[in-house]
């Protein structure tokens, strides 16, 4: 159970770092990448543990490292997707407003 807490804390920190390093981070909330990273990390930890991959010789790293990597990748993916989409959407709305 301690490893789940560590995974949640580290993936949240990674999500905040990803948000801080995004140049378009004003387009979405600070908790979006952190929340996505924590959700993906914890869900993958639960799946790996249910599959029996934890606490066995040679496989102990899977529930510790893989959820962290998956959570970080999910945070980066959501930042890239939301940043581009929100910028395009905001530009289109501003253009529509200015045409009136």
PDB file of N, CA and C in Angstrom:
ATOM      1  N   UNK A   1       0.819  -1.192   0.000  1.00  0.00           N
ATOM      2  CA  UNK A   1       0.000   0.000   0.000  1.00  0.00           C
ATOM      3  C   UNK A   1       0.865   1.259   0.000  1.00  0.00           C
ATOM      4  N   UNK A   2       2.020   1.201   0.603  1.00  0.00           N
ATOM      5  CA  UNK A   2       2.919   2.349   0.618  1.00  0.00           C
ATOM      6  C   UNK A   2       3.349   2.725  -0.792  1.00  0.00           C
ATOM      7  N   UNK A   3       3.523   1.735  -1.635  1.00  0.00           N
ATOM      8  CA  UNK A   3       3.946   2.047  -2.996  1.00  0.00           C
ATOM      9  C   UNK A   3       2.863   2.809  -3.764  1.00  0.00           C
ATOM     10  N   UNK A   4       1.592   2.580  -3.449  1.00  0.00           N
ATOM     11  CA  UNK A   4       0.511   3.331  -4.096  1.00  0.00           C
ATOM     12  C   UNK A   4       0.559   4.798  -3.677  1.00  0.00           C
ATOM     13  N   UNK A   5       0.856   5.061  -2.423  1.00  0.00           N
ATOM     14  CA  UNK A   5       0.973   6.436  -1.937  1.00  0.00           C
ATOM     15  C   UNK A   5       2.154   7.133  -2.598  1.00  0.00           C
ATOM     16  N   UNK A   6       3.255   6.437  -2.721  1.00  0.00           N
ATOM     17  CA  UNK A   6       4.435   7.011  -3.376  1.00  0.00           C
ATOM     18  C   UNK A   6       4.137   7.306  -4.838  1.00  0.00           C
ATOM     19  N   UNK A   7       3.466   6.392  -5.509  1.00  0.00           N
ATOM     20  CA  UNK A   7       3.106   6.596  -6.909  1.00  0.00           C
ATOM     21  C   UNK A   7       2.201   7.817  -7.040  1.00  0.00           C
ATOM     22  N   UNK A   8       1.226   7.959  -6.161  1.00  0.00           N
ATOM     23  CA  UNK A   8       0.313   9.105  -6.222  1.00  0.00           C
ATOM     24  C   UNK A   8       1.055  10.419  -5.995  1.00  0.00           C
ATOM     25  N   UNK A   9       1.939  10.458  -5.038  1.00  0.00           N
ATOM     26  CA  UNK A   9       2.660  11.698  -4.740  1.00  0.00           C
ATOM     27  C   UNK A   9       3.627  12.077  -5.857  1.00  0.00           C
ATOM     28  N   UNK A  10       4.350  11.119  -6.373  1.00  0.00           N
ATOM     29  CA  UNK A  10       5.335  11.411  -7.420  1.00  0.00           C
ATOM     30  C   UNK A  10       4.644  11.797  -8.727  1.00  0.00           C
ATOM     31  N   UNK A  11       3.558  11.100  -9.083  1.00  0.00           N
ATOM     32  CA  UNK A  11       2.868  11.457 -10.319  1.00  0.00           C
ATOM     33  C   UNK A  11       2.202  12.829 -10.208  1.00  0.00           C
ATOM     34  N   UNK A  12       1.714  13.180  -9.032  1.00  0.00           N
ATOM     35  CA  UNK A  12       1.160  14.533  -8.849  1.00  0.00           C
ATOM     36  C   UNK A  12       2.254  15.579  -9.026  1.00  0.00           C
ATOM     37  N   UNK A  13       3.412  15.331  -8.464  1.00  0.00           N
ATOM     38  CA  UNK A  13       4.531  16.266  -8.615  1.00  0.00           C
ATOM     39  C   UNK A  13       4.944  16.382 -10.079  1.00  0.00           C
ATOM     40  N   UNK A  14       4.972  15.271 -10.781  1.00  0.00           N
ATOM     41  CA  UNK A  14       5.315  15.299 -12.202  1.00  0.00           C
ATOM     42  C   UNK A  14       4.268  16.093 -12.987  1.00  0.00           C
ATOM     43  N   UNK A  15       3.008  15.923 -12.638  1.00  0.00           N
ATOM     44  CA  UNK A  15       1.952  16.674 -13.303  1.00  0.00           C
ATOM     45  C   UNK A  15       2.087  18.176 -13.100  1.00  0.00           C
ATOM     46  N   UNK A  16       2.455  18.592 -11.884  1.00  0.00           N
ATOM     47  CA  UNK A  16       2.664  20.013 -11.624  1.00  0.00           C
ATOM     48  C   UNK A  16       3.877  20.552 -12.386  1.00  0.00           C
ATOM     49  N   UNK A  17       4.918  19.755 -12.479  1.00  0.00           N
ATOM     50  CA  UNK A  17       6.112  20.171 -13.227  1.00  0.00           C
ATOM     51  C   UNK A  17       5.793  20.292 -14.715  1.00  0.00           C
ATOM     52  N   UNK A  18       5.021  19.360 -15.241  1.00  0.00           N
ATOM     53  CA  UNK A  18       4.635  19.421 -16.650  1.00  0.00           C
ATOM     54  C   UNK A  18       3.812  20.681 -16.901  1.00  0.00           C
ATOM     55  N   UNK A  19       2.876  20.992 -16.004  1.00  0.00           N
ATOM     56  CA  UNK A  19       2.069  22.201 -16.151  1.00  0.00           C
ATOM     57  C   UNK A  19       2.946  23.460 -16.125  1.00  0.00           C
ATOM     58  N   UNK A  20       3.897  23.498 -15.209  1.00  0.00           N
ATOM     59  CA  UNK A  20       4.746  24.682 -15.067  1.00  0.00           C
ATOM     60  C   UNK A  20       5.645  24.884 -16.281  1.00  0.00           C
ATOM     61  N   UNK A  21       6.017  23.835 -16.952  1.00  0.00           N
ATOM     62  CA  UNK A  21       6.910  23.947 -18.103  1.00  0.00           C
ATOM     63  C   UNK A  21       6.182  24.172 -19.422  1.00  0.00           C
ATOM     64  N   UNK A  22       4.863  24.153 -19.407  1.00  0.00           N
ATOM     65  CA  UNK A  22       4.099  24.380 -20.630  1.00  0.00           C
ATOM     66  C   UNK A  22       3.917  25.876 -20.846  1.00  0.00           C
ATOM     67  N   UNK A  23       4.209  26.348 -22.050  1.00  0.00           N
ATOM     68  CA  UNK A  23       4.097  27.776 -22.323  1.00  0.00           C
ATOM     69  C   UNK A  23       2.643  28.218 -22.451  1.00  0.00           C
ATOM     70  N   UNK A  24       1.735  27.295 -22.667  1.00  0.00           N
ATOM     71  CA  UNK A  24       0.312  27.629 -22.773  1.00  0.00           C
ATOM     72  C   UNK A  24      -0.467  27.234 -21.518  1.00  0.00           C
ATOM     73  N   UNK A  25       0.195  27.200 -20.369  1.00  0.00           N
ATOM     74  CA  UNK A  25      -0.474  26.700 -19.170  1.00  0.00           C
ATOM     75  C   UNK A  25      -1.573  27.612 -18.644  1.00  0.00           C
ATOM     76  N   UNK A  26      -1.706  28.800 -19.182  1.00  0.00           N
ATOM     77  CA  UNK A  26      -2.802  29.686 -18.771  1.00  0.00           C
ATOM     78  C   UNK A  26      -4.123  29.280 -19.423  1.00  0.00           C
ATOM     79  N   UNK A  27      -4.088  28.365 -20.354  1.00  0.00           N
ATOM     80  CA  UNK A  27      -5.296  27.953 -21.068  1.00  0.00           C
ATOM     81  C   UNK A  27      -6.105  26.899 -20.325  1.00  0.00           C
ATOM     82  N   UNK A  28      -5.542  26.257 -19.335  1.00  0.00           N
ATOM     83  CA  UNK A  28      -6.238  25.217 -18.576  1.00  0.00           C
ATOM     84  C   UNK A  28      -5.739  25.257 -17.139  1.00  0.00           C
ATOM     85  N   UNK A  29      -6.403  24.582 -16.264  1.00  0.00           N
ATOM     86  CA  UNK A  29      -6.101  24.639 -14.836  1.00  0.00           C
ATOM     87  C   UNK A  29      -4.843  23.892 -14.440  1.00  0.00           C
ATOM     88  N   UNK A  30      -4.320  24.266 -13.285  1.00  0.00           N
ATOM     89  CA  UNK A  30      -3.093  23.664 -12.777  1.00  0.00           C
ATOM     90  C   UNK A  30      -3.303  22.203 -12.379  1.00  0.00           C
ATOM     91  N   UNK A  31      -4.509  21.852 -11.989  1.00  0.00           N
ATOM     92  CA  UNK A  31      -4.740  20.496 -11.502  1.00  0.00           C
ATOM     93  C   UNK A  31      -5.047  19.489 -12.613  1.00  0.00           C
ATOM     94  N   UNK A  32      -5.214  19.941 -13.837  1.00  0.00           N
ATOM     95  CA  UNK A  32      -5.561  19.021 -14.925  1.00  0.00           C
ATOM     96  C   UNK A  32      -4.438  18.021 -15.210  1.00  0.00           C
ATOM     97  N   UNK A  33      -3.204  18.470 -15.492  1.00  0.00           N
ATOM     98  CA  UNK A  33      -2.164  17.464 -15.744  1.00  0.00           C
ATOM     99  C   UNK A  33      -1.833  16.631 -14.509  1.00  0.00           C
ATOM    100  N   UNK A  34      -1.868  17.257 -13.332  1.00  0.00           N
ATOM    101  CA  UNK A  34      -1.585  16.507 -12.114  1.00  0.00           C
ATOM    102  C   UNK A  34      -2.667  15.461 -11.853  1.00  0.00           C
ATOM    103  N   UNK A  35      -3.912  15.827 -12.061  1.00  0.00           N
ATOM    104  CA  UNK A  35      -5.008  14.878 -11.856  1.00  0.00           C
ATOM    105  C   UNK A  35      -4.970  13.722 -12.833  1.00  0.00           C
ATOM    106  N   UNK A  36      -4.677  14.024 -14.079  1.00  0.00           N
ATOM    107  CA  UNK A  36      -4.576  12.965 -15.091  1.00  0.00           C
ATOM    108  C   UNK A  36      -3.402  12.039 -14.771  1.00  0.00           C
ATOM    109  N   UNK A  37      -2.278  12.625 -14.377  1.00  0.00           N
ATOM    110  CA  UNK A  37      -1.101  11.810 -14.041  1.00  0.00           C
ATOM    111  C   UNK A  37      -1.384  10.900 -12.847  1.00  0.00           C
ATOM    112  N   UNK A  38      -2.030  11.439 -11.828  1.00  0.00           N
ATOM    113  CA  UNK A  38      -2.348  10.625 -10.645  1.00  0.00           C
ATOM    114  C   UNK A  38      -3.343   9.531 -11.000  1.00  0.00           C
ATOM    115  N   UNK A  39      -4.370   9.863 -11.759  1.00  0.00           N
ATOM    116  CA  UNK A  39      -5.370   8.855 -12.128  1.00  0.00           C
ATOM    117  C   UNK A  39      -4.759   7.719 -12.935  1.00  0.00           C
ATOM    118  N   UNK A  40      -3.944   8.059 -13.923  1.00  0.00           N
ATOM    119  CA  UNK A  40      -3.313   7.024 -14.763  1.00  0.00           C
ATOM    120  C   UNK A  40      -2.306   6.217 -13.939  1.00  0.00           C
ATOM    121  N   UNK A  41      -1.522   6.898 -13.133  1.00  0.00           N
ATOM    122  CA  UNK A  41      -0.531   6.193 -12.315  1.00  0.00           C
ATOM    123  C   UNK A  41      -1.161   5.234 -11.323  1.00  0.00           C
ATOM    124  N   UNK A  42      -2.190   5.682 -10.620  1.00  0.00           N
ATOM    125  CA  UNK A  42      -2.831   4.815  -9.626  1.00  0.00           C
ATOM    126  C   UNK A  42      -3.586   3.670 -10.285  1.00  0.00           C
ATOM    127  N   UNK A  43      -4.267   3.965 -11.390  1.00  0.00           N
ATOM    128  CA  UNK A  43      -4.989   2.905 -12.081  1.00  0.00           C
ATOM    129  C   UNK A  43      -4.034   1.846 -12.629  1.00  0.00           C
ATOM    130  N   UNK A  44      -2.913   2.280 -13.184  1.00  0.00           N
ATOM    131  CA  UNK A  44      -1.951   1.292 -13.688  1.00  0.00           C
ATOM    132  C   UNK A  44      -1.318   0.507 -12.548  1.00  0.00           C
ATOM    133  N   UNK A  45      -1.075   1.153 -11.395  1.00  0.00           N
ATOM    134  CA  UNK A  45      -0.545   0.428 -10.230  1.00  0.00           C
ATOM    135  C   UNK A  45      -1.527  -0.648  -9.797  1.00  0.00           C
ATOM    136  N   UNK A  46      -2.814  -0.314  -9.742  1.00  0.00           N
ATOM    137  CA  UNK A  46      -3.836  -1.285  -9.348  1.00  0.00           C
ATOM    138  C   UNK A  46      -3.888  -2.441 -10.335  1.00  0.00           C
ATOM    139  N   UNK A  47      -3.808  -2.134 -11.615  1.00  0.00           N
ATOM    140  CA  UNK A  47      -3.840  -3.192 -12.635  1.00  0.00           C
ATOM    141  C   UNK A  47      -2.616  -4.091 -12.523  1.00  0.00           C
ATOM    142  N   UNK A  48      -1.435  -3.503 -12.345  1.00  0.00           N
ATOM    143  CA  UNK A  48      -0.222  -4.311 -12.224  1.00  0.00           C
ATOM    144  C   UNK A  48      -0.256  -5.195 -10.983  1.00  0.00           C
ATOM    145  N   UNK A  49      -0.758  -4.662  -9.880  1.00  0.00           N
ATOM    146  CA  UNK A  49      -0.834  -5.452  -8.654  1.00  0.00           C
ATOM    147  C   UNK A  49      -1.869  -6.562  -8.789  1.00  0.00           C
ATOM    148  N   UNK A  50      -3.003  -6.277  -9.422  1.00  0.00           N
ATOM    149  CA  UNK A  50      -4.033  -7.292  -9.621  1.00  0.00           C
ATOM    150  C   UNK A  50      -3.555  -8.389 -10.571  1.00  0.00           C
ATOM    151  N   UNK A  51      -2.676  -8.020 -11.487  1.00  0.00           N
ATOM    152  CA  UNK A  51      -2.135  -9.008 -12.426  1.00  0.00           C
ATOM    153  C   UNK A  51      -1.048  -9.862 -11.787  1.00  0.00           C
ATOM    154  N   UNK A  52      -0.658  -9.530 -10.562  1.00  0.00           N
ATOM    155  CA  UNK A  52       0.341 -10.323  -9.860  1.00  0.00           C
ATOM    156  C   UNK A  52       1.774  -9.965 -10.203  1.00  0.00           C
ATOM    157  N   UNK A  53       2.016  -8.749 -10.678  1.00  0.00           N
ATOM    158  CA  UNK A  53       3.364  -8.370 -11.084  1.00  0.00           C
ATOM    159  C   UNK A  53       4.174  -7.718  -9.964  1.00  0.00           C
ATOM    160  N   UNK A  54       3.580  -7.522  -8.818  1.00  0.00           N
ATOM    161  CA  UNK A  54       4.293  -6.842  -7.741  1.00  0.00           C
ATOM    162  C   UNK A  54       4.832  -7.797  -6.700  1.00  0.00           C
ATOM    163  N   UNK A  55       5.917  -7.384  -6.090  1.00  0.00           N
ATOM    164  CA  UNK A  55       6.529  -8.104  -4.980  1.00  0.00           C
ATOM    165  C   UNK A  55       6.950  -9.515  -5.341  1.00  0.00           C
ATOM    166  N   UNK A  56       7.443  -9.695  -6.557  1.00  0.00           N
ATOM    167  CA  UNK A  56       8.007 -10.962  -6.983  1.00  0.00           C
ATOM    168  C   UNK A  56       9.416 -10.695  -7.486  1.00  0.00           C
ATOM    169  N   UNK A  57      10.331 -11.607  -7.243  1.00  0.00           N
ATOM    170  CA  UNK A  57      11.711 -11.382  -7.676  1.00  0.00           C
ATOM    171  C   UNK A  57      11.794 -11.106  -9.175  1.00  0.00           C
ATOM    172  N   UNK A  58      12.466 -10.032  -9.490  1.00  0.00           N
ATOM    173  CA  UNK A  58      12.643  -9.652 -10.877  1.00  0.00           C
ATOM    174  C   UNK A  58      11.532  -8.777 -11.429  1.00  0.00           C
ATOM    175  N   UNK A  59      10.393  -8.715 -10.752  1.00  0.00           N
ATOM    176  CA  UNK A  59       9.259  -7.925 -11.231  1.00  0.00           C
ATOM    177  C   UNK A  59       8.880  -6.801 -10.271  1.00  0.00           C
ATOM    178  N   UNK A  60       9.647  -6.601  -9.231  1.00  0.00           N
ATOM    179  CA  UNK A  60       9.300  -5.600  -8.224  1.00  0.00           C
ATOM    180  C   UNK A  60       9.306  -4.192  -8.794  1.00  0.00           C
ATOM    181  N   UNK A  61      10.068  -3.924  -9.803  1.00  0.00           N
ATOM    182  CA  UNK A  61      10.158  -2.582 -10.369  1.00  0.00           C
ATOM    183  C   UNK A  61       8.910  -2.196 -11.153  1.00  0.00           C
ATOM    184  N   UNK A  62       8.134  -3.164 -11.620  1.00  0.00           N
ATOM    185  CA  UNK A  62       6.982  -2.857 -12.475  1.00  0.00           C
ATOM    186  C   UNK A  62       5.945  -1.992 -11.765  1.00  0.00           C
ATOM    187  N   UNK A  63       5.472  -2.339 -10.546  1.00  0.00           N
ATOM    188  CA  UNK A  63       4.478  -1.457  -9.930  1.00  0.00           C
ATOM    189  C   UNK A  63       5.076  -0.168  -9.359  1.00  0.00           C
ATOM    190  N   UNK A  64       6.378  -0.030  -9.362  1.00  0.00           N
ATOM    191  CA  UNK A  64       6.997   1.206  -8.872  1.00  0.00           C
ATOM    192  C   UNK A  64       7.335   2.159 -10.005  1.00  0.00           C
ATOM    193  N   UNK A  65       7.939   1.675 -11.065  1.00  0.00           N
ATOM    194  CA  UNK A  65       8.455   2.542 -12.127  1.00  0.00           C
ATOM    195  C   UNK A  65       7.452   2.758 -13.251  1.00  0.00           C
ATOM    196  N   UNK A  66       6.812   1.711 -13.726  1.00  0.00           N
ATOM    197  CA  UNK A  66       5.905   1.844 -14.863  1.00  0.00           C
ATOM    198  C   UNK A  66       4.741   2.801 -14.602  1.00  0.00           C
ATOM    199  N   UNK A  67       4.085   2.783 -13.450  1.00  0.00           N
ATOM    200  CA  UNK A  67       3.020   3.772 -13.221  1.00  0.00           C
ATOM    201  C   UNK A  67       3.527   5.213 -13.242  1.00  0.00           C
ATOM    202  N   UNK A  68       4.746   5.427 -12.785  1.00  0.00           N
ATOM    203  CA  UNK A  68       5.314   6.775 -12.827  1.00  0.00           C
ATOM    204  C   UNK A  68       5.528   7.225 -14.270  1.00  0.00           C
ATOM    205  N   UNK A  69       6.053   6.338 -15.085  1.00  0.00           N
ATOM    206  CA  UNK A  69       6.276   6.666 -16.493  1.00  0.00           C
ATOM    207  C   UNK A  69       4.962   6.856 -17.246  1.00  0.00           C
ATOM    208  N   UNK A  70       3.994   5.996 -16.967  1.00  0.00           N
ATOM    209  CA  UNK A  70       2.697   6.120 -17.635  1.00  0.00           C
ATOM    210  C   UNK A  70       1.979   7.404 -17.212  1.00  0.00           C
ATOM    211  N   UNK A  71       2.060   7.742 -15.926  1.00  0.00           N
ATOM    212  CA  UNK A  71       1.445   8.980 -15.450  1.00  0.00           C
ATOM    213  C   UNK A  71       2.090  10.207 -16.056  1.00  0.00           C
ATOM    214  N   UNK A  72       3.413  10.207 -16.155  1.00  0.00           N
ATOM    215  CA  UNK A  72       4.120  11.335 -16.765  1.00  0.00           C
ATOM    216  C   UNK A  72       3.759  11.456 -18.245  1.00  0.00           C
ATOM    217  N   UNK A  73       3.692  10.339 -18.941  1.00  0.00           N
ATOM    218  CA  UNK A  73       3.332  10.362 -20.361  1.00  0.00           C
ATOM    219  C   UNK A  73       1.903  10.866 -20.552  1.00  0.00           C
ATOM    220  N   UNK A  74       0.998  10.463 -19.672  1.00  0.00           N
ATOM    221  CA  UNK A  74      -0.387  10.931 -19.770  1.00  0.00           C
ATOM    222  C   UNK A  74      -0.476  12.430 -19.503  1.00  0.00           C
ATOM    223  N   UNK A  75       0.298  12.933 -18.543  1.00  0.00           N
ATOM    224  CA  UNK A  75       0.297  14.371 -18.255  1.00  0.00           C
ATOM    225  C   UNK A  75       0.818  15.164 -19.449  1.00  0.00           C
ATOM    226  N   UNK A  76       1.879  14.695 -20.063  1.00  0.00           N
ATOM    227  CA  UNK A  76       2.425  15.376 -21.244  1.00  0.00           C
ATOM    228  C   UNK A  76       1.423  15.332 -22.391  1.00  0.00           C
ATOM    229  N   UNK A  77       0.774  14.198 -22.582  1.00  0.00           N
ATOM    230  CA  UNK A  77      -0.199  14.069 -23.675  1.00  0.00           C
ATOM    231  C   UNK A  77      -1.388  15.001 -23.475  1.00  0.00           C
ATOM    232  N   UNK A  78      -1.896  15.086 -22.262  1.00  0.00           N
ATOM    233  CA  UNK A  78      -3.050  15.948 -22.024  1.00  0.00           C
ATOM    234  C   UNK A  78      -2.666  17.416 -22.149  1.00  0.00           C
ATOM    235  N   UNK A  79      -1.455  17.773 -21.755  1.00  0.00           N
ATOM    236  CA  UNK A  79      -0.997  19.161 -21.897  1.00  0.00           C
ATOM    237  C   UNK A  79      -0.859  19.526 -23.372  1.00  0.00           C
ATOM    238  N   UNK A  80      -0.288  18.654 -24.156  1.00  0.00           N
ATOM    239  CA  UNK A  80      -0.150  18.923 -25.589  1.00  0.00           C
ATOM    240  C   UNK A  80      -1.511  19.037 -26.269  1.00  0.00           C
ATOM    241  N   UNK A  81      -2.407  18.139 -25.931  1.00  0.00           N
ATOM    242  CA  UNK A  81      -3.731  18.148 -26.540  1.00  0.00           C
ATOM    243  C   UNK A  81      -4.527  19.378 -26.116  1.00  0.00           C
ATOM    244  N   UNK A  82      -4.612  19.624 -24.825  1.00  0.00           N
ATOM    245  CA  UNK A  82      -5.414  20.749 -24.344  1.00  0.00           C
ATOM    246  C   UNK A  82      -4.822  22.094 -24.741  1.00  0.00           C
ATOM    247  N   UNK A  83      -3.523  22.219 -24.693  1.00  0.00           N
ATOM    248  CA  UNK A  83      -2.901  23.484 -25.055  1.00  0.00           C
ATOM    249  C   UNK A  83      -3.200  23.880 -26.484  1.00  0.00           C
ATOM    250  N   UNK A  84      -3.052  22.948 -27.401  1.00  0.00           N
ATOM    251  CA  UNK A  84      -3.312  23.233 -28.808  1.00  0.00           C
ATOM    252  C   UNK A  84      -4.797  23.472 -29.059  1.00  0.00           C
ATOM    253  N   UNK A  85      -5.616  22.622 -28.493  1.00  0.00           N
ATOM    254  CA  UNK A  85      -7.065  22.718 -28.724  1.00  0.00           C
ATOM    255  C   UNK A  85      -7.630  24.003 -28.138  1.00  0.00           C
ATOM    256  N   UNK A  86      -7.247  24.337 -26.914  1.00  0.00           N
ATOM    257  CA  UNK A  86      -7.776  25.546 -26.292  1.00  0.00           C
ATOM    258  C   UNK A  86      -7.288  26.804 -27.006  1.00  0.00           C
ATOM    259  N   UNK A  87      -6.054  26.821 -27.454  1.00  0.00           N
ATOM    260  CA  UNK A  87      -5.539  27.973 -28.181  1.00  0.00           C
ATOM    261  C   UNK A  87      -6.299  28.159 -29.488  1.00  0.00           C
ATOM    262  N   UNK A  88      -6.520  27.072 -30.207  1.00  0.00           N
ATOM    263  CA  UNK A  88      -7.265  27.145 -31.467  1.00  0.00           C
ATOM    264  C   UNK A  88      -8.706  27.585 -31.212  1.00  0.00           C
ATOM    265  N   UNK A  89      -9.326  27.032 -30.177  1.00  0.00           N
ATOM    266  CA  UNK A  89     -10.703  27.381 -29.853  1.00  0.00           C
ATOM    267  C   UNK A  89     -10.820  28.844 -29.410  1.00  0.00           C
ATOM    268  N   UNK A  90      -9.908  29.306 -28.575  1.00  0.00           N
ATOM    269  CA  UNK A  90      -9.938  30.700 -28.127  1.00  0.00           C
ATOM    270  C   UNK A  90      -9.706  31.671 -29.271  1.00  0.00           C
ATOM    271  N   UNK A  91      -8.805  31.329 -30.179  1.00  0.00           N
ATOM    272  CA  UNK A  91      -8.549  32.180 -31.340  1.00  0.00           C
ATOM    273  C   UNK A  91      -9.781  32.253 -32.237  1.00  0.00           C
ATOM    274  N   UNK A  92     -10.443  31.142 -32.453  1.00  0.00           N
ATOM    275  CA  UNK A  92     -11.652  31.126 -33.278  1.00  0.00           C
ATOM    276  C   UNK A  92     -12.766  31.952 -32.627  1.00  0.00           C
ATOM    277  N   UNK A  93     -12.925  31.839 -31.319  1.00  0.00           N
ATOM    278  CA  UNK A  93     -13.961  32.629 -30.626  1.00  0.00           C
ATOM    279  C   UNK A  93     -13.638  34.118 -30.671  1.00  0.00           C
ATOM    280  N   UNK A  94     -12.391  34.466 -30.470  1.00  0.00           N
ATOM    281  CA  UNK A  94     -12.004  35.875 -30.519  1.00  0.00           C
ATOM    282  C   UNK A  94     -12.210  36.454 -31.914  1.00  0.00           C
ATOM    283  N   UNK A  95     -11.885  35.672 -32.927  1.00  0.00           N
ATOM    284  CA  UNK A  95     -12.083  36.118 -34.307  1.00  0.00           C
ATOM    285  C   UNK A  95     -13.573  36.319 -34.581  1.00  0.00           C
ATOM    286  N   UNK A  96     -14.404  35.412 -34.103  1.00  0.00           N
ATOM    287  CA  UNK A  96     -15.857  35.525 -34.306  1.00  0.00           C
ATOM    288  C   UNK A  96     -16.408  36.755 -33.583  1.00  0.00           C
ATOM    289  N   UNK A  97     -15.917  37.031 -32.402  1.00  0.00           N
ATOM    290  CA  UNK A  97     -16.373  38.192 -31.637  1.00  0.00           C
ATOM    291  C   UNK A  97     -15.947  39.481 -32.327  1.00  0.00           C
ATOM    292  N   UNK A  98     -14.724  39.512 -32.828  1.00  0.00           N
ATOM    293  CA  UNK A  98     -14.216  40.732 -33.474  1.00  0.00           C
ATOM    294  C   UNK A  98     -14.882  41.019 -34.814  1.00  0.00           C
ATOM    295  N   UNK A  99     -15.440  40.010 -35.453  1.00  0.00           N
ATOM    296  CA  UNK A  99     -16.121  40.199 -36.738  1.00  0.00           C
ATOM    297  C   UNK A  99     -17.488  40.833 -36.565  1.00  0.00           C
ATOM    298  N   UNK A 100     -18.020  40.789 -35.379  1.00  0.00           N
ATOM    299  CA  UNK A 100     -19.365  41.360 -35.156  1.00  0.00           C
ATOM    300  C   UNK A 100     -19.362  42.819 -35.200  1.00  0.00           C
TER     301      UNK A 100
END
